[in-house]
Amino acid sequence: MIKVNIAGVPEHFNLPWHLAIEEGAFEDRGIDLVWNEVPEGTGRMCQMLRNGDTDIAIILTEGIIKDITEGNPSKIIQKYIESPLLWGIHVGSKSAFNSLNDLEKGKVAISRYGSGSHLMAYVNAKNQGWNVDELQFEVINNLNGAIEALTNGTADYFMWEHFTTKPIVDEGIFNRVGDCPTPWPCFVIAVSDQFNKENHNIVNHILEVINSYTTEFKDIPSIDRTIANRYNQQLTDIQKWLSITQWSQSQISEAMIDKVQHQLLELNLINDKLPFKKLTF
């Protein structure tokens, strides 16, 4: 039995991994797949890949591409979620800001630099026609940190996945003033170069298992109720999420890699583009 460390956010996107682990699908292939929850998100997972604290990460496309261009010894081995991520834009319930337009000069709460909440703040600012050079940030580490920052006023707004934050909106802790979808497939599977070199066949087995689960995931009887109960979500919200979410079983295209790098370069978030083969296996 070979032990493999894998990291991902504690969100409903990753339920196929948990089901496969719980049902022994990896063990059947001699793999002890150890799941590590990372509420801090992509920036933290990039650091874990660099440090060897995880072998594999289910990670935001823009975040891992940026980090690989900055020397992360990892590569994208496959898309995981084909569809865009819908980023909700949130303010505190007592905030004086009532619309997206109010936030142009506001301070953004981000989990850490290089995270999705950081990079998507630039994408949103560009979409709104704001001066991206004037963006200000407050590092809050995770969702609980964002709740504290928006409540006490140390940050003005926070971008996080729409459906993950929906219960917080329903509780009246956050107000959502808008949404910003990613212009690309949102999650990919990244593997450290060293692990893939030494365990390429194991990586292929892992992909075969998870791809079989994601292919059939939406067809599981009452999967909407299972997700709603497991992640404390409203059933109608999960049904909407399922309707707009598409898993993938294929590698990201060279054209899409170029599109992501082009936008990151345009926003001065990377210094240079890398060739496709430097970013993917």
C-alpha atoms as a PDB file:
ATOM      1  CA  MET A   1       0.000   0.000   0.000  1.00  0.00           C
ATOM      2  CA  ILE A   2       1.526   3.324  -1.061  1.00  0.00           C
ATOM      3  CA  LYS A   3       0.583   6.471   0.849  1.00  0.00           C
ATOM      4  CA  VAL A   4      -0.348   9.499  -1.261  1.00  0.00           C
ATOM      5  CA  ASN A   5      -1.147  12.938   0.197  1.00  0.00           C
ATOM      6  CA  ILE A   6      -3.776  14.985  -1.589  1.00  0.00           C
ATOM      7  CA  ALA A   7      -5.028  18.461  -0.663  1.00  0.00           C
ATOM      8  CA  GLY A   8      -8.250  20.313  -1.444  1.00  0.00           C
ATOM      9  CA  VAL A   9     -10.700  22.857  -0.115  1.00  0.00           C
ATOM     10  CA  PRO A  10     -13.520  21.682   2.197  1.00  0.00           C
ATOM     11  CA  GLU A  11     -16.198  22.336  -0.420  1.00  0.00           C
ATOM     12  CA  HIS A  12     -18.837  20.341  -2.266  1.00  0.00           C
ATOM     13  CA  PHE A  13     -16.743  20.254  -5.468  1.00  0.00           C
ATOM     14  CA  ASN A  14     -14.559  17.628  -3.821  1.00  0.00           C
ATOM     15  CA  LEU A  15     -17.249  15.203  -2.676  1.00  0.00           C
ATOM     16  CA  PRO A  16     -16.343  12.687  -5.454  1.00  0.00           C
ATOM     17  CA  TRP A  17     -12.908  12.299  -3.824  1.00  0.00           C
ATOM     18  CA  HIS A  18     -14.438  11.653  -0.410  1.00  0.00           C
ATOM     19  CA  LEU A  19     -16.883   9.101  -1.778  1.00  0.00           C
ATOM     20  CA  ALA A  20     -14.093   7.258  -3.596  1.00  0.00           C
ATOM     21  CA  ILE A  21     -11.954   7.205  -0.437  1.00  0.00           C
ATOM     22  CA  GLU A  22     -14.851   6.102   1.788  1.00  0.00           C
ATOM     23  CA  GLU A  23     -15.834   3.331  -0.612  1.00  0.00           C
ATOM     24  CA  GLY A  24     -12.276   1.979  -0.758  1.00  0.00           C
ATOM     25  CA  ALA A  25     -11.814   2.636  -4.482  1.00  0.00           C
ATOM     26  CA  PHE A  26      -8.194   3.712  -4.049  1.00  0.00           C
ATOM     27  CA  GLU A  27      -7.383   0.988  -1.526  1.00  0.00           C
ATOM     28  CA  ASP A  28      -8.524  -1.572  -4.104  1.00  0.00           C
ATOM     29  CA  ARG A  29      -5.571  -0.387  -6.188  1.00  0.00           C
ATOM     30  CA  GLY A  30      -3.072  -0.443  -3.345  1.00  0.00           C
ATOM     31  CA  ILE A  31      -3.255   3.316  -2.701  1.00  0.00           C
ATOM     32  CA  ASP A  32      -3.702   4.891   0.741  1.00  0.00           C
ATOM     33  CA  LEU A  33      -4.999   8.286  -0.423  1.00  0.00           C
ATOM     34  CA  VAL A  34      -4.859  10.692   2.529  1.00  0.00           C
ATOM     35  CA  TRP A  35      -7.086  13.736   2.104  1.00  0.00           C
ATOM     36  CA  ASN A  36      -5.912  17.027   3.649  1.00  0.00           C
ATOM     37  CA  GLU A  37      -8.517  19.768   4.056  1.00  0.00           C
ATOM     38  CA  VAL A  38      -7.103  23.213   3.258  1.00  0.00           C
ATOM     39  CA  PRO A  39      -9.627  25.939   4.174  1.00  0.00           C
ATOM     40  CA  GLU A  40      -7.020  28.613   3.346  1.00  0.00           C
ATOM     41  CA  GLY A  41      -7.365  27.662  -0.324  1.00  0.00           C
ATOM     42  CA  THR A  42      -5.073  27.770  -3.338  1.00  0.00           C
ATOM     43  CA  GLY A  43      -2.261  29.942  -1.963  1.00  0.00           C
ATOM     44  CA  ARG A  44      -1.729  27.515   0.890  1.00  0.00           C
ATOM     45  CA  MET A  45      -1.889  24.493  -1.416  1.00  0.00           C
ATOM     46  CA  CYS A  46       0.754  26.007  -3.696  1.00  0.00           C
ATOM     47  CA  GLN A  47       3.030  26.274  -0.670  1.00  0.00           C
ATOM     48  CA  MET A  48       2.251  22.668   0.310  1.00  0.00           C
ATOM     49  CA  LEU A  49       3.248  21.454  -3.157  1.00  0.00           C
ATOM     50  CA  ARG A  50       6.472  23.448  -2.960  1.00  0.00           C
ATOM     51  CA  ASN A  51       7.296  22.107   0.511  1.00  0.00           C
ATOM     52  CA  GLY A  52       6.431  18.495  -0.249  1.00  0.00           C
ATOM     53  CA  ASP A  53       3.555  18.584   2.263  1.00  0.00           C
ATOM     54  CA  THR A  54       1.224  17.230  -0.407  1.00  0.00           C
ATOM     55  CA  ASP A  55       1.791  15.180  -3.532  1.00  0.00           C
ATOM     56  CA  ILE A  56      -1.383  16.235  -5.342  1.00  0.00           C
ATOM     57  CA  ALA A  57      -3.686  19.257  -5.059  1.00  0.00           C
ATOM     58  CA  ILE A  58      -7.171  20.014  -6.373  1.00  0.00           C
ATOM     59  CA  ILE A  59      -6.453  23.641  -7.021  1.00  0.00           C
ATOM     60  CA  LEU A  60      -7.657  26.769  -8.812  1.00  0.00           C
ATOM     61  CA  THR A  61      -6.402  27.016 -12.378  1.00  0.00           C
ATOM     62  CA  GLU A  62      -5.182  30.615 -12.236  1.00  0.00           C
ATOM     63  CA  GLY A  63      -3.456  30.127  -8.877  1.00  0.00           C
ATOM     64  CA  ILE A  64      -1.372  27.094  -9.800  1.00  0.00           C
ATOM     65  CA  ILE A  65      -0.447  28.537 -13.215  1.00  0.00           C
ATOM     66  CA  LYS A  66       0.824  31.706 -11.531  1.00  0.00           C
ATOM     67  CA  ASP A  67       2.799  29.704  -8.979  1.00  0.00           C
ATOM     68  CA  ILE A  68       4.370  27.387 -11.565  1.00  0.00           C
ATOM     69  CA  THR A  69       5.586  30.446 -13.485  1.00  0.00           C
ATOM     70  CA  GLU A  70       7.223  31.511 -10.195  1.00  0.00           C
ATOM     71  CA  GLY A  71       9.083  28.232  -9.748  1.00  0.00           C
ATOM     72  CA  ASN A  72       6.646  25.778  -8.160  1.00  0.00           C
ATOM     73  CA  PRO A  73       8.046  22.340  -9.148  1.00  0.00           C
ATOM     74  CA  SER A  74       4.619  20.955 -10.087  1.00  0.00           C
ATOM     75  CA  LYS A  75       2.449  20.623 -13.172  1.00  0.00           C
ATOM     76  CA  ILE A  76      -1.194  20.335 -14.135  1.00  0.00           C
ATOM     77  CA  ILE A  77      -2.066  16.752 -14.934  1.00  0.00           C
ATOM     78  CA  GLN A  78      -5.765  17.197 -15.718  1.00  0.00           C
ATOM     79  CA  LYS A  79      -8.753  19.502 -15.486  1.00  0.00           C
ATOM     80  CA  TYR A  80     -11.073  18.659 -12.607  1.00  0.00           C
ATOM     81  CA  ILE A  81     -13.966  21.118 -13.026  1.00  0.00           C
ATOM     82  CA  GLU A  82     -14.673  22.186 -16.605  1.00  0.00           C
ATOM     83  CA  SER A  83     -17.134  24.946 -15.757  1.00  0.00           C
ATOM     84  CA  PRO A  84     -16.251  28.407 -14.380  1.00  0.00           C
ATOM     85  CA  LEU A  85     -16.237  29.120 -10.653  1.00  0.00           C
ATOM     86  CA  LEU A  86     -18.878  31.627  -9.610  1.00  0.00           C
ATOM     87  CA  TRP A  87     -17.190  34.014  -7.195  1.00  0.00           C
ATOM     88  CA  GLY A  88     -19.625  35.851  -4.917  1.00  0.00           C
ATOM     89  CA  ILE A  89     -18.627  39.396  -3.973  1.00  0.00           C
ATOM     90  CA  HIS A  90     -19.549  40.015  -0.348  1.00  0.00           C
ATOM     91  CA  VAL A  91     -19.678  42.866   2.149  1.00  0.00           C
ATOM     92  CA  GLY A  92     -20.531  42.801   5.848  1.00  0.00           C
ATOM     93  CA  SER A  93     -24.207  43.014   6.740  1.00  0.00           C
ATOM     94  CA  LYS A  94     -23.705  46.432   8.346  1.00  0.00           C
ATOM     95  CA  SER A  95     -21.484  47.771   5.578  1.00  0.00           C
ATOM     96  CA  ALA A  96     -22.214  51.178   4.056  1.00  0.00           C
ATOM     97  CA  PHE A  97     -21.457  49.638   0.644  1.00  0.00           C
ATOM     98  CA  ASN A  98     -24.614  48.513  -1.117  1.00  0.00           C
ATOM     99  CA  SER A  99     -23.473  47.858  -4.678  1.00  0.00           C
ATOM    100  CA  LEU A 100     -20.494  46.657  -6.662  1.00  0.00           C
ATOM    101  CA  ASN A 101     -19.791  50.196  -7.853  1.00  0.00           C
ATOM    102  CA  ASP A 102     -19.285  51.323  -4.230  1.00  0.00           C
ATOM    103  CA  LEU A 103     -16.297  49.001  -3.843  1.00  0.00           C
ATOM    104  CA  GLU A 104     -13.862  50.603  -6.279  1.00  0.00           C
ATOM    105  CA  LYS A 105     -11.719  52.088  -3.485  1.00  0.00           C
ATOM    106  CA  GLY A 106     -12.507  49.393  -0.922  1.00  0.00           C
ATOM    107  CA  LYS A 107      -9.993  47.071   0.744  1.00  0.00           C
ATOM    108  CA  VAL A 108     -10.234  43.438  -0.361  1.00  0.00           C
ATOM    109  CA  ALA A 109     -10.061  40.567   2.119  1.00  0.00           C
ATOM    110  CA  ILE A 110      -7.935  37.747   0.668  1.00  0.00           C
ATOM    111  CA  SER A 111      -6.938  34.376   2.099  1.00  0.00           C
ATOM    112  CA  ARG A 112      -3.319  35.012   1.080  1.00  0.00           C
ATOM    113  CA  TYR A 113      -1.360  36.491  -1.815  1.00  0.00           C
ATOM    114  CA  GLY A 114      -1.487  34.236  -4.857  1.00  0.00           C
ATOM    115  CA  SER A 115      -4.816  32.768  -3.798  1.00  0.00           C
ATOM    116  CA  GLY A 116      -7.957  32.779  -5.904  1.00  0.00           C
ATOM    117  CA  SER A 117      -9.484  35.512  -3.763  1.00  0.00           C
ATOM    118  CA  HIS A 118      -6.419  37.644  -4.531  1.00  0.00           C
ATOM    119  CA  LEU A 119      -6.176  36.943  -8.269  1.00  0.00           C
ATOM    120  CA  MET A 120      -9.913  37.178  -8.924  1.00  0.00           C
ATOM    121  CA  ALA A 121     -10.006  40.592  -7.253  1.00  0.00           C
ATOM    122  CA  TYR A 122      -7.865  41.770 -10.186  1.00  0.00           C
ATOM    123  CA  VAL A 123     -10.102  40.047 -12.729  1.00  0.00           C
ATOM    124  CA  ASN A 124     -13.171  41.658 -11.176  1.00  0.00           C
ATOM    125  CA  ALA A 125     -11.504  45.085 -11.038  1.00  0.00           C
ATOM    126  CA  LYS A 126     -10.554  44.808 -14.705  1.00  0.00           C
ATOM    127  CA  ASN A 127     -14.132  43.791 -15.565  1.00  0.00           C
ATOM    128  CA  GLN A 128     -15.429  46.877 -13.749  1.00  0.00           C
ATOM    129  CA  GLY A 129     -12.933  49.224 -15.411  1.00  0.00           C
ATOM    130  CA  TRP A 130     -11.190  50.042 -12.121  1.00  0.00           C
ATOM    131  CA  ASN A 131      -7.500  50.870 -11.776  1.00  0.00           C
ATOM    132  CA  VAL A 132      -6.033  47.532 -10.693  1.00  0.00           C
ATOM    133  CA  ASP A 133      -2.887  49.270  -9.398  1.00  0.00           C
ATOM    134  CA  GLU A 134      -4.987  50.871  -6.653  1.00  0.00           C
ATOM    135  CA  LEU A 135      -6.290  47.618  -5.171  1.00  0.00           C
ATOM    136  CA  GLN A 136      -5.651  47.236  -1.430  1.00  0.00           C
ATOM    137  CA  PHE A 137      -5.613  43.923   0.429  1.00  0.00           C
ATOM    138  CA  GLU A 138      -6.090  42.523   3.913  1.00  0.00           C
ATOM    139  CA  VAL A 139      -4.866  38.939   4.463  1.00  0.00           C
ATOM    140  CA  ILE A 140      -7.486  37.002   6.453  1.00  0.00           C
ATOM    141  CA  ASN A 141      -6.337  33.358   5.924  1.00  0.00           C
ATOM    142  CA  ASN A 142      -9.738  31.692   5.611  1.00  0.00           C
ATOM    143  CA  LEU A 143     -13.503  32.129   5.583  1.00  0.00           C
ATOM    144  CA  ASN A 144     -13.726  32.669   9.332  1.00  0.00           C
ATOM    145  CA  GLY A 145     -11.098  35.370   9.015  1.00  0.00           C
ATOM    146  CA  ALA A 146     -13.180  37.032   6.315  1.00  0.00           C
ATOM    147  CA  ILE A 147     -16.256  37.019   8.539  1.00  0.00           C
ATOM    148  CA  GLU A 148     -14.259  38.759  11.265  1.00  0.00           C
ATOM    149  CA  ALA A 149     -12.664  41.281   8.894  1.00  0.00           C
ATOM    150  CA  LEU A 150     -15.916  42.295   7.196  1.00  0.00           C
ATOM    151  CA  THR A 151     -17.738  42.469  10.518  1.00  0.00           C
ATOM    152  CA  ASN A 152     -15.160  44.669  12.273  1.00  0.00           C
ATOM    153  CA  GLY A 153     -14.344  46.756   9.188  1.00  0.00           C
ATOM    154  CA  THR A 154     -10.677  45.879   8.658  1.00  0.00           C
ATOM    155  CA  ALA A 155     -11.652  44.901   5.097  1.00  0.00           C
ATOM    156  CA  ASP A 156     -14.516  46.061   2.896  1.00  0.00           C
ATOM    157  CA  TYR A 157     -15.295  43.125   0.611  1.00  0.00           C
ATOM    158  CA  PHE A 158     -14.461  39.495   0.080  1.00  0.00           C
ATOM    159  CA  MET A 159     -14.661  37.189  -2.935  1.00  0.00           C
ATOM    160  CA  TRP A 160     -15.344  33.483  -2.373  1.00  0.00           C
ATOM    161  CA  GLU A 161     -17.277  30.716  -4.095  1.00  0.00           C
ATOM    162  CA  HIS A 162     -20.948  31.724  -4.346  1.00  0.00           C
ATOM    163  CA  PHE A 163     -22.542  28.574  -2.956  1.00  0.00           C
ATOM    164  CA  THR A 164     -20.010  27.986  -0.163  1.00  0.00           C
ATOM    165  CA  THR A 165     -20.808  31.440   1.223  1.00  0.00           C
ATOM    166  CA  LYS A 166     -24.573  31.217   0.598  1.00  0.00           C
ATOM    167  CA  PRO A 167     -25.355  29.992   4.158  1.00  0.00           C
ATOM    168  CA  ILE A 168     -23.421  32.972   5.538  1.00  0.00           C
ATOM    169  CA  VAL A 169     -25.493  35.291   3.342  1.00  0.00           C
ATOM    170  CA  ASP A 170     -28.676  33.519   4.470  1.00  0.00           C
ATOM    171  CA  GLU A 171     -27.662  34.051   8.115  1.00  0.00           C
ATOM    172  CA  GLY A 172     -27.361  37.789   7.487  1.00  0.00           C
ATOM    173  CA  ILE A 173     -23.611  37.924   8.190  1.00  0.00           C
ATOM    174  CA  PHE A 174     -22.670  38.797   4.597  1.00  0.00           C
ATOM    175  CA  ASN A 175     -24.535  40.699   1.908  1.00  0.00           C
ATOM    176  CA  ARG A 176     -23.735  39.694  -1.664  1.00  0.00           C
ATOM    177  CA  VAL A 177     -23.440  42.651  -4.042  1.00  0.00           C
ATOM    178  CA  GLY A 178     -22.469  40.735  -7.174  1.00  0.00           C
ATOM    179  CA  ASP A 179     -20.871  37.695  -8.766  1.00  0.00           C
ATOM    180  CA  CYS A 180     -17.771  37.247 -10.924  1.00  0.00           C
ATOM    181  CA  PRO A 181     -17.329  33.987 -12.883  1.00  0.00           C
ATOM    182  CA  THR A 182     -13.857  32.814 -13.841  1.00  0.00           C
ATOM    183  CA  PRO A 183     -13.147  33.144 -17.591  1.00  0.00           C
ATOM    184  CA  TRP A 184     -11.720  29.580 -17.610  1.00  0.00           C
ATOM    185  CA  PRO A 185     -12.273  26.068 -16.163  1.00  0.00           C
ATOM    186  CA  CYS A 186     -11.908  26.601 -12.451  1.00  0.00           C
ATOM    187  CA  PHE A 187     -10.239  23.578 -10.834  1.00  0.00           C
ATOM    188  CA  VAL A 188      -7.366  21.414 -12.040  1.00  0.00           C
ATOM    189  CA  ILE A 189      -5.424  18.505 -10.577  1.00  0.00           C
ATOM    190  CA  ALA A 190      -1.782  19.431  -9.962  1.00  0.00           C
ATOM    191  CA  VAL A 191       0.975  16.957  -9.070  1.00  0.00           C
ATOM    192  CA  SER A 192       4.495  17.632  -7.847  1.00  0.00           C
ATOM    193  CA  ASP A 193       7.185  16.858 -10.426  1.00  0.00           C
ATOM    194  CA  GLN A 194       9.074  14.570  -8.059  1.00  0.00           C
ATOM    195  CA  PHE A 195       6.027  12.517  -7.095  1.00  0.00           C
ATOM    196  CA  ASN A 196       4.909  12.112 -10.692  1.00  0.00           C
ATOM    197  CA  LYS A 197       8.396  11.096 -11.787  1.00  0.00           C
ATOM    198  CA  GLU A 198       8.653   8.430  -9.093  1.00  0.00           C
ATOM    199  CA  ASN A 199       5.019   7.281  -9.123  1.00  0.00           C
ATOM    200  CA  HIS A 200       3.626   7.947 -12.592  1.00  0.00           C
ATOM    201  CA  ASN A 201       1.637   4.697 -12.672  1.00  0.00           C
ATOM    202  CA  ILE A 202       0.103   5.491  -9.284  1.00  0.00           C
ATOM    203  CA  VAL A 203      -0.967   8.909 -10.578  1.00  0.00           C
ATOM    204  CA  ASN A 204      -2.631   7.228 -13.558  1.00  0.00           C
ATOM    205  CA  HIS A 205      -4.517   4.866 -11.232  1.00  0.00           C
ATOM    206  CA  ILE A 206      -5.720   7.821  -9.144  1.00  0.00           C
ATOM    207  CA  LEU A 207      -6.969   9.603 -12.263  1.00  0.00           C
ATOM    208  CA  GLU A 208      -8.764   6.477 -13.480  1.00  0.00           C
ATOM    209  CA  VAL A 209     -10.595   6.166 -10.164  1.00  0.00           C
ATOM    210  CA  ILE A 210     -11.617   9.810  -9.781  1.00  0.00           C
ATOM    211  CA  ASN A 211     -12.627  10.099 -13.432  1.00  0.00           C
ATOM    212  CA  SER A 212     -14.962   7.138 -13.054  1.00  0.00           C
ATOM    213  CA  TYR A 213     -16.547   8.812 -10.023  1.00  0.00           C
ATOM    214  CA  THR A 214     -16.932  12.261 -11.604  1.00  0.00           C
ATOM    215  CA  THR A 215     -18.368  10.775 -14.792  1.00  0.00           C
ATOM    216  CA  GLU A 216     -21.210   9.175 -12.814  1.00  0.00           C
ATOM    217  CA  PHE A 217     -21.450  11.707  -9.966  1.00  0.00           C
ATOM    218  CA  LYS A 218     -24.591  13.545 -11.083  1.00  0.00           C
ATOM    219  CA  ASP A 219     -26.380  10.239 -11.678  1.00  0.00           C
ATOM    220  CA  ILE A 220     -26.061   9.056  -8.070  1.00  0.00           C
ATOM    221  CA  PRO A 221     -29.603   8.761  -6.649  1.00  0.00           C
ATOM    222  CA  SER A 222     -30.491  11.753  -4.441  1.00  0.00           C
ATOM    223  CA  ILE A 223     -26.987  13.187  -4.786  1.00  0.00           C
ATOM    224  CA  ASP A 224     -28.463  16.675  -4.371  1.00  0.00           C
ATOM    225  CA  ARG A 225     -29.809  15.776  -0.931  1.00  0.00           C
ATOM    226  CA  THR A 226     -26.553  14.094   0.044  1.00  0.00           C
ATOM    227  CA  ILE A 227     -24.559  17.223  -0.827  1.00  0.00           C
ATOM    228  CA  ALA A 228     -27.046  19.564   0.869  1.00  0.00           C
ATOM    229  CA  ASN A 229     -26.950  17.557   4.102  1.00  0.00           C
ATOM    230  CA  ARG A 230     -23.200  17.021   4.091  1.00  0.00           C
ATOM    231  CA  TYR A 231     -22.301  20.654   3.428  1.00  0.00           C
ATOM    232  CA  ASN A 232     -25.191  22.328   5.321  1.00  0.00           C
ATOM    233  CA  GLN A 233     -26.642  23.832   2.172  1.00  0.00           C
ATOM    234  CA  GLN A 234     -30.182  24.489   1.017  1.00  0.00           C
ATOM    235  CA  LEU A 235     -31.391  21.824  -1.409  1.00  0.00           C
ATOM    236  CA  THR A 236     -32.462  24.416  -4.001  1.00  0.00           C
ATOM    237  CA  ASP A 237     -28.984  26.006  -3.903  1.00  0.00           C
ATOM    238  CA  ILE A 238     -27.296  22.651  -4.475  1.00  0.00           C
ATOM    239  CA  GLN A 239     -29.649  21.838  -7.328  1.00  0.00           C
ATOM    240  CA  LYS A 240     -28.727  25.135  -8.976  1.00  0.00           C
ATOM    241  CA  TRP A 241     -25.020  24.471  -8.368  1.00  0.00           C
ATOM    242  CA  LEU A 242     -25.247  21.006  -9.896  1.00  0.00           C
ATOM    243  CA  SER A 243     -27.002  22.445 -12.948  1.00  0.00           C
ATOM    244  CA  ILE A 244     -24.091  24.801 -13.729  1.00  0.00           C
ATOM    245  CA  THR A 245     -21.174  22.558 -12.688  1.00  0.00           C
ATOM    246  CA  GLN A 246     -19.430  20.188 -15.088  1.00  0.00           C
ATOM    247  CA  TRP A 247     -16.588  17.840 -14.166  1.00  0.00           C
ATOM    248  CA  SER A 248     -13.808  17.011 -16.596  1.00  0.00           C
ATOM    249  CA  GLN A 249     -11.805  13.888 -17.367  1.00  0.00           C
ATOM    250  CA  SER A 250      -9.329  15.455 -19.800  1.00  0.00           C
ATOM    251  CA  GLN A 251      -6.231  17.637 -19.825  1.00  0.00           C
ATOM    252  CA  ILE A 252      -6.554  21.403 -20.085  1.00  0.00           C
ATOM    253  CA  SER A 253      -5.912  22.702 -23.596  1.00  0.00           C
ATOM    254  CA  GLU A 254      -2.923  24.708 -24.725  1.00  0.00           C
ATOM    255  CA  ALA A 255      -5.275  27.479 -25.856  1.00  0.00           C
ATOM    256  CA  MET A 256      -6.819  27.734 -22.385  1.00  0.00           C
ATOM    257  CA  ILE A 257      -3.406  27.762 -20.692  1.00  0.00           C
ATOM    258  CA  ASP A 258      -2.423  30.600 -23.028  1.00  0.00           C
ATOM    259  CA  LYS A 259      -5.640  32.481 -22.231  1.00  0.00           C
ATOM    260  CA  VAL A 260      -5.048  32.282 -18.471  1.00  0.00           C
ATOM    261  CA  GLN A 261      -1.408  33.324 -18.778  1.00  0.00           C
ATOM    262  CA  HIS A 262      -2.311  36.182 -21.124  1.00  0.00           C
ATOM    263  CA  GLN A 263      -4.774  37.616 -18.627  1.00  0.00           C
ATOM    264  CA  LEU A 264      -2.376  37.185 -15.694  1.00  0.00           C
ATOM    265  CA  LEU A 265       0.358  38.895 -17.721  1.00  0.00           C
ATOM    266  CA  GLU A 266      -1.998  41.707 -18.712  1.00  0.00           C
ATOM    267  CA  LEU A 267      -2.801  42.260 -15.029  1.00  0.00           C
ATOM    268  CA  ASN A 268       0.946  42.256 -14.143  1.00  0.00           C
ATOM    269  CA  LEU A 269       0.437  39.181 -11.960  1.00  0.00           C
ATOM    270  CA  ILE A 270       3.127  37.160 -13.761  1.00  0.00           C
ATOM    271  CA  ASN A 271       6.336  38.318 -15.414  1.00  0.00           C
ATOM    272  CA  ASP A 272       6.476  35.914 -18.357  1.00  0.00           C
ATOM    273  CA  LYS A 273       4.474  33.176 -20.027  1.00  0.00           C
ATOM    274  CA  LEU A 274       5.722  29.598 -19.904  1.00  0.00           C
ATOM    275  CA  PRO A 275       5.403  27.051 -22.717  1.00  0.00           C
ATOM    276  CA  PHE A 276       2.517  24.600 -22.406  1.00  0.00           C
ATOM    277  CA  LYS A 277       4.867  21.686 -21.658  1.00  0.00           C
ATOM    278  CA  LYS A 278       6.356  23.550 -18.702  1.00  0.00           C
ATOM    279  CA  LEU A 279       2.922  23.772 -17.080  1.00  0.00           C
ATOM    280  CA  THR A 280       1.408  20.369 -17.868  1.00  0.00           C
ATOM    281  CA  PHE A 281       2.290  16.672 -17.872  1.00  0.00           C
END
